[in-house]
Amino acid sequence: MSVLPTALHDTLTQLLGAAPQGAQALSGGMINQAARVDTAHGPIVVKWNSDGPPGFFAAEADGLERLRAVGALRVPKILAVSDAPAGAALLASLNQKSAVTPSFILMEYLLTMPGDVEEFARRFGEGLAHQHRTATSENGLFGLERDNFIGALPQPNAWRMTWPDFYRERRLLPQVTIASRLGRLPGDRESRLHRLLDQVDTILADGRFLPCLLHGDLWSGNFLQQGEDPIVLDPAVYYGDREVELAYIQLFGGFPPGFLEAYQSAYPLPGEYLLRRPLHQLYPLLVHLNMFGEQYWPQVESVLARYDC
């Protein structure tokens, strides 16, 4: 079975009690590999990474289970998770006697299919609005009791009392630090970003922010359509203000027509949202700058210019 690494195939055989009947490669994004695996009990999905950071798939499973508990949007059930030691790819490349099983997550397979786009958009928008309106943090703080990942980058989530403080200290500042370390901020870029960080409290001063459960990485590649039902994948969850989720959704597009209208009808955004949107788009832009490079700097530049930095 060439699609699956030998060690992963053997591990799945042990978990399933029988060898997989077949496997077909799926898109795992730019970070992981993925496959549909056919078993005697039906298809399942496995995602794996031979060199992911420790806890990578455990964090994904935790996020999916939190979203499942809300029940506003459909997510796949988690069947198994295993985080291999860091450096598994290196160990395998050194021709160890026994191959190292890569980190993996095993999930139910959800069949995608077309459906009425208008109804799909309505359910998607209303479902996300319901999640934001009802799934709020019990302690009233912003963050999460555990850190996780945004793409392949670490995402710190330690609790903060206010949204401006959390957004500056747990979202923007860590990404600026990573960008500096990666050499993404030549010239005056870093000083300009720090000038904007100093303005966060002022820019967000008038908002009435609430800590609700966010998907955290909701772009067009992280949802699927099953008829009229939306399915969400690959979360980077935490309790934050919903404006940052909607700002990200509008940053790159790709959502069905009518989605935003359905969301707004169910849970209207404040009028000042548009004034704050560029700042809330800075976090995903910095993440993309750090993961993919210089092509995202012009959009970061436009945010800096918007706030005269």
Protein backbone atom coordinates (compact mmCIF):
# COMPACT_ATOMS: atom_id res chain seq x y z
CA MET A 1 0.00 0.00 0.00
CA SER A 2 2.24 2.78 -1.30
CA VAL A 3 0.00 5.67 -0.22
CA LEU A 4 0.66 4.98 3.48
CA PRO A 5 4.10 4.76 5.08
CA THR A 6 4.83 1.15 6.04
CA ALA A 7 4.98 1.87 9.77
CA LEU A 8 1.67 3.75 9.64
CA HIS A 9 0.05 0.93 7.66
CA ASP A 10 1.19 -1.56 10.30
CA THR A 11 -0.07 0.66 13.14
CA LEU A 12 -3.48 1.04 11.50
CA THR A 13 -3.65 -2.72 11.03
CA GLN A 14 -3.17 -3.14 14.78
CA LEU A 15 -5.77 -0.48 15.59
CA LEU A 16 -8.36 -1.82 13.16
CA GLY A 17 -7.73 -5.49 13.84
CA ALA A 18 -7.22 -6.08 10.13
CA ALA A 19 -5.14 -4.62 7.34
CA PRO A 20 -6.68 -1.65 5.47
CA GLN A 21 -8.38 -2.72 2.28
CA GLY A 22 -7.14 0.23 0.29
CA ALA A 23 -6.04 3.85 0.52
CA GLN A 24 -6.44 6.92 -1.63
CA ALA A 25 -4.41 10.11 -1.20
CA LEU A 26 -6.32 13.22 -0.14
CA SER A 27 -5.27 16.80 0.23
CA GLY A 28 -3.76 17.27 3.68
CA GLY A 29 -3.01 20.92 3.14
CA MET A 30 0.53 22.31 3.00
CA ILE A 31 1.59 20.75 6.30
CA ASN A 32 0.33 17.18 6.50
CA GLN A 33 -0.35 14.21 4.29
CA ALA A 34 -3.75 12.56 4.27
CA ALA A 35 -5.52 9.54 2.86
CA ARG A 36 -8.92 7.95 2.75
CA VAL A 37 -8.49 4.42 4.12
CA ASP A 38 -11.03 1.74 3.25
CA THR A 39 -11.79 -0.74 6.01
CA ALA A 40 -14.25 -3.56 6.58
CA HIS A 41 -16.41 -1.08 8.55
CA GLY A 42 -16.32 1.69 5.97
CA PRO A 43 -13.95 4.49 4.99
CA ILE A 44 -11.98 6.58 7.46
CA VAL A 45 -9.45 9.40 7.09
CA VAL A 46 -5.90 9.43 8.38
CA LYS A 47 -3.66 12.50 8.44
CA TRP A 48 0.00 12.15 9.31
CA ASN A 49 3.17 14.14 9.66
CA SER A 50 6.62 12.63 10.01
CA ASP A 51 8.17 15.74 11.50
CA GLY A 52 5.42 17.70 13.23
CA PRO A 53 5.90 19.37 16.59
CA PRO A 54 5.00 17.38 19.71
CA GLY A 55 1.30 17.57 20.50
CA PHE A 56 0.33 18.76 17.03
CA PHE A 57 -2.48 16.29 16.35
CA ALA A 58 -3.56 16.16 19.99
CA ALA A 59 -4.23 19.90 19.72
CA GLU A 60 -6.22 19.39 16.53
CA ALA A 61 -8.30 16.65 18.16
CA ASP A 62 -8.95 18.86 21.17
CA GLY A 63 -10.17 21.67 18.94
CA LEU A 64 -12.46 19.42 16.93
CA GLU A 65 -13.98 17.95 20.09
CA ARG A 66 -14.66 21.42 21.49
CA LEU A 67 -16.47 22.37 18.29
CA ARG A 68 -18.38 19.09 18.31
CA ALA A 69 -19.55 19.79 21.86
CA VAL A 70 -21.15 23.05 20.72
CA GLY A 71 -23.00 21.29 17.91
CA ALA A 72 -23.44 24.38 15.76
CA LEU A 73 -21.40 23.04 12.85
CA ARG A 74 -20.55 19.50 11.88
CA VAL A 75 -17.04 18.20 12.48
CA PRO A 76 -15.60 14.71 11.95
CA LYS A 77 -15.44 12.33 14.91
CA ILE A 78 -11.98 11.57 16.25
CA LEU A 79 -11.17 7.85 16.21
CA ALA A 80 -7.52 7.85 17.34
CA VAL A 81 -4.61 10.22 17.86
CA SER A 82 -0.91 9.50 18.16
CA ASP A 83 1.87 12.06 18.46
CA ALA A 84 5.20 10.48 17.60
CA PRO A 85 8.40 11.82 19.14
CA ALA A 86 9.93 14.89 17.54
CA GLY A 87 12.44 13.95 14.88
CA ALA A 88 10.63 10.80 13.72
CA ALA A 89 11.50 11.61 10.11
CA LEU A 90 15.18 11.88 10.99
CA LEU A 91 15.14 8.55 12.79
CA ALA A 92 13.52 6.89 9.80
CA SER A 93 16.04 8.46 7.42
CA LEU A 94 18.89 7.00 9.44
CA ASN A 95 17.66 3.49 8.52
CA GLN A 96 16.69 2.42 12.00
CA LYS A 97 15.90 -1.28 12.32
CA SER A 98 12.27 -0.54 13.01
CA ALA A 99 10.51 2.23 11.11
CA VAL A 100 9.05 5.01 13.23
CA THR A 101 5.30 5.56 12.95
CA PRO A 102 4.66 9.23 12.15
CA SER A 103 2.30 11.35 14.19
CA PHE A 104 -1.26 10.83 12.99
CA ILE A 105 -4.91 11.52 13.61
CA LEU A 106 -7.67 9.11 12.57
CA MET A 107 -11.13 10.53 11.84
CA GLU A 108 -14.47 9.57 10.40
CA TYR A 109 -14.79 10.05 6.67
CA LEU A 110 -17.47 12.55 5.74
CA LEU A 111 -18.64 12.36 2.15
CA THR A 112 -18.75 15.69 0.34
CA MET A 113 -21.48 16.38 -2.18
CA PRO A 114 -23.03 19.38 -3.91
CA GLY A 115 -26.28 20.87 -2.72
CA ASP A 116 -28.35 24.01 -2.82
CA VAL A 117 -25.74 26.77 -2.43
CA GLU A 118 -28.16 29.29 -0.95
CA GLU A 119 -29.33 26.89 1.74
CA PHE A 120 -25.76 25.79 2.43
CA ALA A 121 -24.69 29.42 2.89
CA ARG A 122 -27.64 30.09 5.21
CA ARG A 123 -26.91 27.09 7.42
CA PHE A 124 -23.22 27.90 7.50
CA GLY A 125 -23.70 31.55 8.45
CA GLU A 126 -26.39 30.81 11.02
CA GLY A 127 -24.40 27.92 12.47
CA LEU A 128 -21.28 30.01 13.00
CA ALA A 129 -23.38 32.80 14.47
CA HIS A 130 -24.94 30.31 16.91
CA GLN A 131 -21.50 29.09 17.93
CA HIS A 132 -20.26 32.63 18.56
CA ARG A 133 -23.38 33.65 20.43
CA THR A 134 -23.67 30.66 22.73
CA ALA A 135 -20.21 29.11 23.28
CA THR A 136 -18.56 31.59 25.64
CA SER A 137 -15.74 31.02 28.13
CA GLU A 138 -16.87 30.03 31.61
CA ASN A 139 -14.33 32.25 33.33
CA GLY A 140 -15.07 35.31 31.20
CA LEU A 141 -11.45 35.50 30.03
CA PHE A 142 -9.85 35.40 26.60
CA GLY A 143 -7.63 32.46 25.67
CA LEU A 144 -7.64 28.75 26.43
CA GLU A 145 -6.24 26.47 29.11
CA ARG A 146 -3.81 24.99 26.60
CA ASP A 147 -1.67 26.23 23.75
CA ASN A 148 -2.14 24.87 20.23
CA PHE A 149 -1.09 25.66 16.67
CA ILE A 150 -2.07 27.93 13.81
CA GLY A 151 -0.93 26.10 10.71
CA ALA A 152 2.52 24.83 11.64
CA LEU A 153 3.23 27.71 14.03
CA PRO A 154 2.76 27.66 17.80
CA GLN A 155 -0.29 29.56 19.06
CA PRO A 156 -0.01 30.66 22.72
CA ASN A 157 -3.36 30.92 24.50
CA ALA A 158 -2.67 31.81 28.15
CA TRP A 159 -5.66 33.65 29.58
CA ARG A 160 -5.89 37.46 29.55
CA MET A 161 -8.62 39.64 30.98
CA THR A 162 -9.30 41.88 27.98
CA TRP A 163 -9.42 41.34 24.25
CA PRO A 164 -7.00 44.17 23.36
CA ASP A 165 -4.47 42.75 25.82
CA PHE A 166 -4.93 39.18 24.54
CA TYR A 167 -4.79 40.19 20.90
CA ARG A 168 -1.62 42.20 21.37
CA GLU A 169 0.25 39.83 23.72
CA ARG A 170 -0.93 36.40 22.53
CA ARG A 171 -1.55 36.98 18.85
CA LEU A 172 0.37 39.86 17.30
CA LEU A 173 3.50 40.02 19.43
CA PRO A 174 4.42 36.30 19.10
CA GLN A 175 4.09 36.50 15.31
CA VAL A 176 6.20 39.67 15.14
CA THR A 177 8.84 37.86 17.21
CA ILE A 178 8.77 34.87 14.84
CA ALA A 179 8.94 37.15 11.79
CA SER A 180 11.98 38.92 13.23
CA ARG A 181 13.71 35.61 13.92
CA LEU A 182 13.00 34.41 10.38
CA GLY A 183 14.40 37.58 8.84
CA ARG A 184 11.02 38.68 7.49
CA LEU A 185 11.32 42.23 8.90
CA PRO A 186 14.26 44.02 7.28
CA GLY A 187 14.67 47.78 7.48
CA ASP A 188 12.07 49.58 9.57
CA ARG A 189 9.39 46.88 9.35
CA GLU A 190 9.77 45.68 12.93
CA SER A 191 9.72 49.16 14.43
CA ARG A 192 6.59 50.00 12.43
CA LEU A 193 4.85 46.86 13.66
CA HIS A 194 5.75 47.73 17.24
CA ARG A 195 4.32 51.21 16.75
CA LEU A 196 1.06 49.54 15.74
CA LEU A 197 1.22 47.21 18.74
CA ASP A 198 1.40 50.32 20.92
CA GLN A 199 -1.88 51.50 19.37
CA VAL A 200 -3.90 48.32 19.88
CA ASP A 201 -5.55 49.50 23.11
CA THR A 202 -6.57 52.76 21.44
CA ILE A 203 -7.87 51.18 18.23
CA LEU A 204 -9.92 48.62 20.19
CA ALA A 205 -10.90 50.96 23.02
CA ASP A 206 -14.59 51.29 22.13
CA GLY A 207 -15.38 47.65 21.42
CA ARG A 208 -17.64 45.51 23.58
CA PHE A 209 -15.70 42.31 23.16
CA LEU A 210 -16.86 38.89 24.32
CA PRO A 211 -14.81 35.66 24.60
CA CYS A 212 -16.58 33.11 22.40
CA LEU A 213 -15.29 29.86 20.97
CA LEU A 214 -13.62 30.56 17.64
CA HIS A 215 -12.65 28.04 14.99
CA GLY A 216 -9.51 30.14 14.74
CA ASP A 217 -8.39 29.17 11.22
CA LEU A 218 -11.58 29.44 9.23
CA TRP A 219 -10.66 29.97 5.59
CA SER A 220 -12.06 28.39 2.45
CA GLY A 221 -9.74 25.38 2.67
CA ASN A 222 -11.04 24.39 6.09
CA PHE A 223 -14.68 23.75 5.34
CA LEU A 224 -16.48 21.19 3.20
CA GLN A 225 -19.99 20.91 1.80
CA GLN A 226 -22.16 17.88 2.41
CA GLY A 227 -25.34 18.74 0.57
CA GLU A 228 -26.72 21.71 2.49
CA ASP A 229 -24.64 20.99 5.60
CA PRO A 230 -21.28 22.69 6.33
CA ILE A 231 -18.38 20.68 7.76
CA VAL A 232 -15.43 22.44 9.40
CA LEU A 233 -11.91 21.04 9.75
CA ASP A 234 -8.41 21.89 11.03
CA PRO A 235 -9.30 24.33 13.81
CA ALA A 236 -7.01 26.50 15.92
CA VAL A 237 -9.56 27.11 18.65
CA TYR A 238 -9.55 29.57 21.54
CA TYR A 239 -11.96 31.95 23.22
CA GLY A 240 -11.64 35.29 21.47
CA ASP A 241 -13.79 38.02 20.03
CA ARG A 242 -15.76 37.01 16.97
CA GLU A 243 -14.63 40.06 15.00
CA VAL A 244 -11.24 38.43 14.37
CA GLU A 245 -12.96 35.32 12.92
CA LEU A 246 -15.11 37.36 10.55
CA ALA A 247 -12.15 39.53 9.57
CA TYR A 248 -10.19 36.41 8.60
CA ILE A 249 -13.16 35.04 6.65
CA GLN A 250 -13.29 38.27 4.64
CA LEU A 251 -9.52 38.48 4.14
CA PHE A 252 -9.12 35.80 1.45
CA GLY A 253 -12.74 35.11 0.48
CA GLY A 254 -13.95 31.81 -0.94
CA PHE A 255 -17.13 31.53 1.15
CA PRO A 256 -20.51 30.95 -0.51
CA PRO A 257 -22.61 33.96 -1.53
CA GLY A 258 -25.08 34.75 1.22
CA PHE A 259 -22.91 33.39 4.03
CA LEU A 260 -22.08 36.78 5.57
CA GLU A 261 -25.64 38.01 5.14
CA ALA A 262 -26.94 34.94 7.00
CA TYR A 263 -24.42 35.50 9.79
CA GLN A 264 -25.30 39.18 10.07
CA SER A 265 -29.01 38.45 10.14
CA ALA A 266 -28.56 35.92 12.95
CA TYR A 267 -25.97 37.85 14.98
CA PRO A 268 -25.29 41.37 13.65
CA LEU A 269 -21.78 42.73 13.90
CA PRO A 270 -21.30 46.15 15.51
CA GLY A 271 -21.02 49.13 13.19
CA GLU A 272 -17.43 49.76 14.26
CA TYR A 273 -16.38 46.32 13.03
CA LEU A 274 -15.23 47.67 9.68
CA LEU A 275 -12.98 50.22 11.38
CA ARG A 276 -11.29 47.49 13.39
CA ARG A 277 -11.21 44.86 10.63
CA PRO A 278 -7.75 45.74 9.22
CA LEU A 279 -6.16 45.32 12.65
CA HIS A 280 -7.96 42.00 13.16
CA GLN A 281 -6.71 40.82 9.76
CA LEU A 282 -3.11 41.49 10.77
CA TYR A 283 -2.82 38.26 12.77
CA PRO A 284 -3.58 35.87 9.89
CA LEU A 285 -1.46 38.04 7.59
CA LEU A 286 1.54 37.74 9.91
CA VAL A 287 0.96 33.99 10.16
CA HIS A 288 1.00 33.76 6.36
CA LEU A 289 4.07 35.98 6.15
CA ASN A 290 5.88 33.67 8.55
CA MET A 291 4.75 30.46 6.87
CA PHE A 292 4.95 31.44 3.20
CA GLY A 293 7.17 34.48 2.94
CA GLU A 294 7.47 37.86 1.30
CA GLN A 295 4.39 37.61 -0.91
CA TYR A 296 2.23 38.52 2.10
CA TRP A 297 4.19 41.62 3.12
CA PRO A 298 2.24 44.03 0.84
CA GLN A 299 -0.96 43.17 2.72
CA VAL A 300 0.79 43.65 6.08
CA GLU A 301 2.08 46.95 4.70
CA SER A 302 -1.48 48.04 3.85
CA VAL A 303 -2.58 47.44 7.45
CA LEU A 304 0.33 49.49 8.75
CA ALA A 305 -0.55 52.30 6.35
CA ARG A 306 -4.19 52.18 7.43
CA TYR A 307 -3.09 53.11 10.97
CA ASP A 308 -0.32 55.52 9.88
CA CYS A 309 2.52 53.25 11.02
